[in-house]
Amino acid sequence: MGRYSDIPKYPVVNSHPRPGEVMANFRSKDYMMMLGCGAASMPFGWMAGTSRLPQMRVPSMVTAAIVGATGGFCIAFQQSGFRLMGFVANDEEVKLAKQ
């Protein structure tokens, strides 16, 4: 799914979206993905920091949150691009494009 050789199943809004267009197309669900991945990774950072050096708990947790949020951004960016290119359901984007 989502390769340039694939045929889109939904109407194409933009066949080659630029990064700015993809980020402008983020939905609230995409932002929740970023926040959720960041929040879900924080306990792993906390546990990794407590193994040997307890003073590393908070820096390790913050680093894990940044890595998780970056991963969430990548997933959100991919989904937003897929919606614009017509590979996943994109009813809202099609309505906005027709206006």
C-alpha atoms as a PDB file:
ATOM      1  CA  MET A   1       0.000   0.000   0.000  1.00  0.00           C
ATOM      2  CA  GLY A   2       1.205   3.455  -0.817  1.00  0.00           C
ATOM      3  CA  ARG A   3       3.838   2.710  -3.422  1.00  0.00           C
ATOM      4  CA  TYR A   4       3.872   4.840  -6.526  1.00  0.00           C
ATOM      5  CA  SER A   5       3.115   1.764  -8.632  1.00  0.00           C
ATOM      6  CA  ASP A   6      -0.108   1.093  -6.692  1.00  0.00           C
ATOM      7  CA  ILE A   7      -3.445   2.286  -8.011  1.00  0.00           C
ATOM      8  CA  PRO A   8      -5.269   4.511  -5.503  1.00  0.00           C
ATOM      9  CA  LYS A   9      -8.589   3.142  -4.250  1.00  0.00           C
ATOM     10  CA  TYR A  10      -9.969   6.576  -3.345  1.00  0.00           C
ATOM     11  CA  PRO A  11     -10.082   9.908  -5.194  1.00  0.00           C
ATOM     12  CA  VAL A  12      -6.660  11.527  -5.526  1.00  0.00           C
ATOM     13  CA  VAL A  13      -6.434  15.005  -4.020  1.00  0.00           C
ATOM     14  CA  ASN A  14      -2.726  15.535  -4.710  1.00  0.00           C
ATOM     15  CA  SER A  15      -0.642  12.849  -6.398  1.00  0.00           C
ATOM     16  CA  HIS A  16       2.714  14.331  -5.302  1.00  0.00           C
ATOM     17  CA  PRO A  17       2.164  16.334  -2.085  1.00  0.00           C
ATOM     18  CA  ARG A  18       4.982  18.445  -0.687  1.00  0.00           C
ATOM     19  CA  PRO A  19       5.945  18.033   2.986  1.00  0.00           C
ATOM     20  CA  GLY A  20       4.259  21.316   3.894  1.00  0.00           C
ATOM     21  CA  GLU A  21       1.019  20.204   2.267  1.00  0.00           C
ATOM     22  CA  VAL A  22       1.151  16.881   4.079  1.00  0.00           C
ATOM     23  CA  MET A  23       1.673  18.563   7.462  1.00  0.00           C
ATOM     24  CA  ALA A  24      -1.076  21.097   6.737  1.00  0.00           C
ATOM     25  CA  ASN A  25      -3.377  18.128   6.155  1.00  0.00           C
ATOM     26  CA  PHE A  26      -2.856  16.671   9.654  1.00  0.00           C
ATOM     27  CA  ARG A  27      -6.075  15.777  11.465  1.00  0.00           C
ATOM     28  CA  SER A  28      -6.598  15.717  15.203  1.00  0.00           C
ATOM     29  CA  LYS A  29      -6.122  11.947  15.044  1.00  0.00           C
ATOM     30  CA  ASP A  30      -2.622  12.510  13.649  1.00  0.00           C
ATOM     31  CA  TYR A  31      -1.704  14.859  16.485  1.00  0.00           C
ATOM     32  CA  MET A  32      -3.062  12.326  18.957  1.00  0.00           C
ATOM     33  CA  MET A  33      -0.821   9.699  17.365  1.00  0.00           C
ATOM     34  CA  MET A  34       2.241  11.877  18.028  1.00  0.00           C
ATOM     35  CA  LEU A  35       1.235  12.612  21.615  1.00  0.00           C
ATOM     36  CA  GLY A  36       0.227   9.030  22.273  1.00  0.00           C
ATOM     37  CA  CYS A  37       3.477   7.549  21.004  1.00  0.00           C
ATOM     38  CA  GLY A  38       5.461  10.062  23.034  1.00  0.00           C
ATOM     39  CA  ALA A  39       3.472   9.368  26.184  1.00  0.00           C
ATOM     40  CA  ALA A  40       3.555   5.600  25.708  1.00  0.00           C
ATOM     41  CA  SER A  41       7.346   5.595  25.407  1.00  0.00           C
ATOM     42  CA  MET A  42       7.947   7.563  28.618  1.00  0.00           C
ATOM     43  CA  PRO A  43       7.642   4.566  31.006  1.00  0.00           C
ATOM     44  CA  PHE A  44      10.211   2.669  28.967  1.00  0.00           C
ATOM     45  CA  GLY A  45      12.643   5.555  29.317  1.00  0.00           C
ATOM     46  CA  TRP A  46      11.955   5.713  33.045  1.00  0.00           C
ATOM     47  CA  MET A  47      12.644   1.981  33.433  1.00  0.00           C
ATOM     48  CA  ALA A  48      15.788   2.196  31.324  1.00  0.00           C
ATOM     49  CA  GLY A  49      17.089   5.000  33.529  1.00  0.00           C
ATOM     50  CA  THR A  50      16.439   3.170  36.804  1.00  0.00           C
ATOM     51  CA  SER A  51      18.499   0.096  35.987  1.00  0.00           C
ATOM     52  CA  ARG A  52      21.899   1.401  37.121  1.00  0.00           C
ATOM     53  CA  LEU A  53      21.884   5.155  37.622  1.00  0.00           C
ATOM     54  CA  PRO A  54      18.750   6.521  39.300  1.00  0.00           C
ATOM     55  CA  GLN A  55      19.743  10.110  38.451  1.00  0.00           C
ATOM     56  CA  MET A  56      19.280   9.238  34.769  1.00  0.00           C
ATOM     57  CA  ARG A  57      15.543   8.495  35.113  1.00  0.00           C
ATOM     58  CA  VAL A  58      14.248  11.871  33.970  1.00  0.00           C
ATOM     59  CA  PRO A  59      16.737  12.486  31.122  1.00  0.00           C
ATOM     60  CA  SER A  60      16.147   8.959  29.871  1.00  0.00           C
ATOM     61  CA  MET A  61      12.376   9.428  30.065  1.00  0.00           C
ATOM     62  CA  VAL A  62      12.537  12.736  28.168  1.00  0.00           C
ATOM     63  CA  THR A  63      14.717  11.182  25.477  1.00  0.00           C
ATOM     64  CA  ALA A  64      12.306   8.267  25.102  1.00  0.00           C
ATOM     65  CA  ALA A  65       9.385  10.701  24.824  1.00  0.00           C
ATOM     66  CA  ILE A  66      11.158  12.634  22.055  1.00  0.00           C
ATOM     67  CA  VAL A  67      11.952   9.426  20.182  1.00  0.00           C
ATOM     68  CA  GLY A  68       8.361   8.213  20.589  1.00  0.00           C
ATOM     69  CA  ALA A  69       6.897  11.524  19.418  1.00  0.00           C
ATOM     70  CA  THR A  70       9.217  11.472  16.404  1.00  0.00           C
ATOM     71  CA  GLY A  71       7.972   7.992  15.552  1.00  0.00           C
ATOM     72  CA  GLY A  72       4.394   9.195  15.977  1.00  0.00           C
ATOM     73  CA  PHE A  73       5.134  12.104  13.639  1.00  0.00           C
ATOM     74  CA  CYS A  74       6.444   9.673  11.010  1.00  0.00           C
ATOM     75  CA  ILE A  75       3.279   7.573  11.235  1.00  0.00           C
ATOM     76  CA  ALA A  76       1.049  10.673  11.101  1.00  0.00           C
ATOM     77  CA  PHE A  77       2.989  12.068   8.130  1.00  0.00           C
ATOM     78  CA  GLN A  78       2.611   8.782   6.270  1.00  0.00           C
ATOM     79  CA  GLN A  79      -1.120   8.552   6.926  1.00  0.00           C
ATOM     80  CA  SER A  80      -1.706  12.173   5.926  1.00  0.00           C
ATOM     81  CA  GLY A  81       0.229  11.657   2.701  1.00  0.00           C
ATOM     82  CA  PHE A  82      -1.702   8.480   1.964  1.00  0.00           C
ATOM     83  CA  ARG A  83      -4.981  10.377   2.369  1.00  0.00           C
ATOM     84  CA  LEU A  84      -3.868  13.044  -0.087  1.00  0.00           C
ATOM     85  CA  MET A  85      -2.666  10.446  -2.590  1.00  0.00           C
ATOM     86  CA  GLY A  86      -5.872   8.415  -2.321  1.00  0.00           C
ATOM     87  CA  PHE A  87      -4.495   5.250  -0.740  1.00  0.00           C
ATOM     88  CA  VAL A  88      -6.738   5.451   2.357  1.00  0.00           C
ATOM     89  CA  ALA A  89     -10.200   6.914   2.971  1.00  0.00           C
ATOM     90  CA  ASN A  90     -10.114  10.671   2.345  1.00  0.00           C
ATOM     91  CA  ASP A  91     -13.677  11.993   2.371  1.00  0.00           C
ATOM     92  CA  GLU A  92     -12.779  15.209   4.214  1.00  0.00           C
ATOM     93  CA  GLU A  93      -9.877  16.006   1.892  1.00  0.00           C
ATOM     94  CA  VAL A  94     -12.025  15.482  -1.206  1.00  0.00           C
ATOM     95  CA  LYS A  95     -14.704  17.817   0.178  1.00  0.00           C
ATOM     96  CA  LEU A  96     -12.120  20.514   0.894  1.00  0.00           C
ATOM     97  CA  ALA A  97     -10.532  20.124  -2.544  1.00  0.00           C
ATOM     98  CA  LYS A  98     -13.895  20.605  -4.312  1.00  0.00           C
ATOM     99  CA  GLN A  99     -14.556  23.924  -2.557  1.00  0.00           C
END
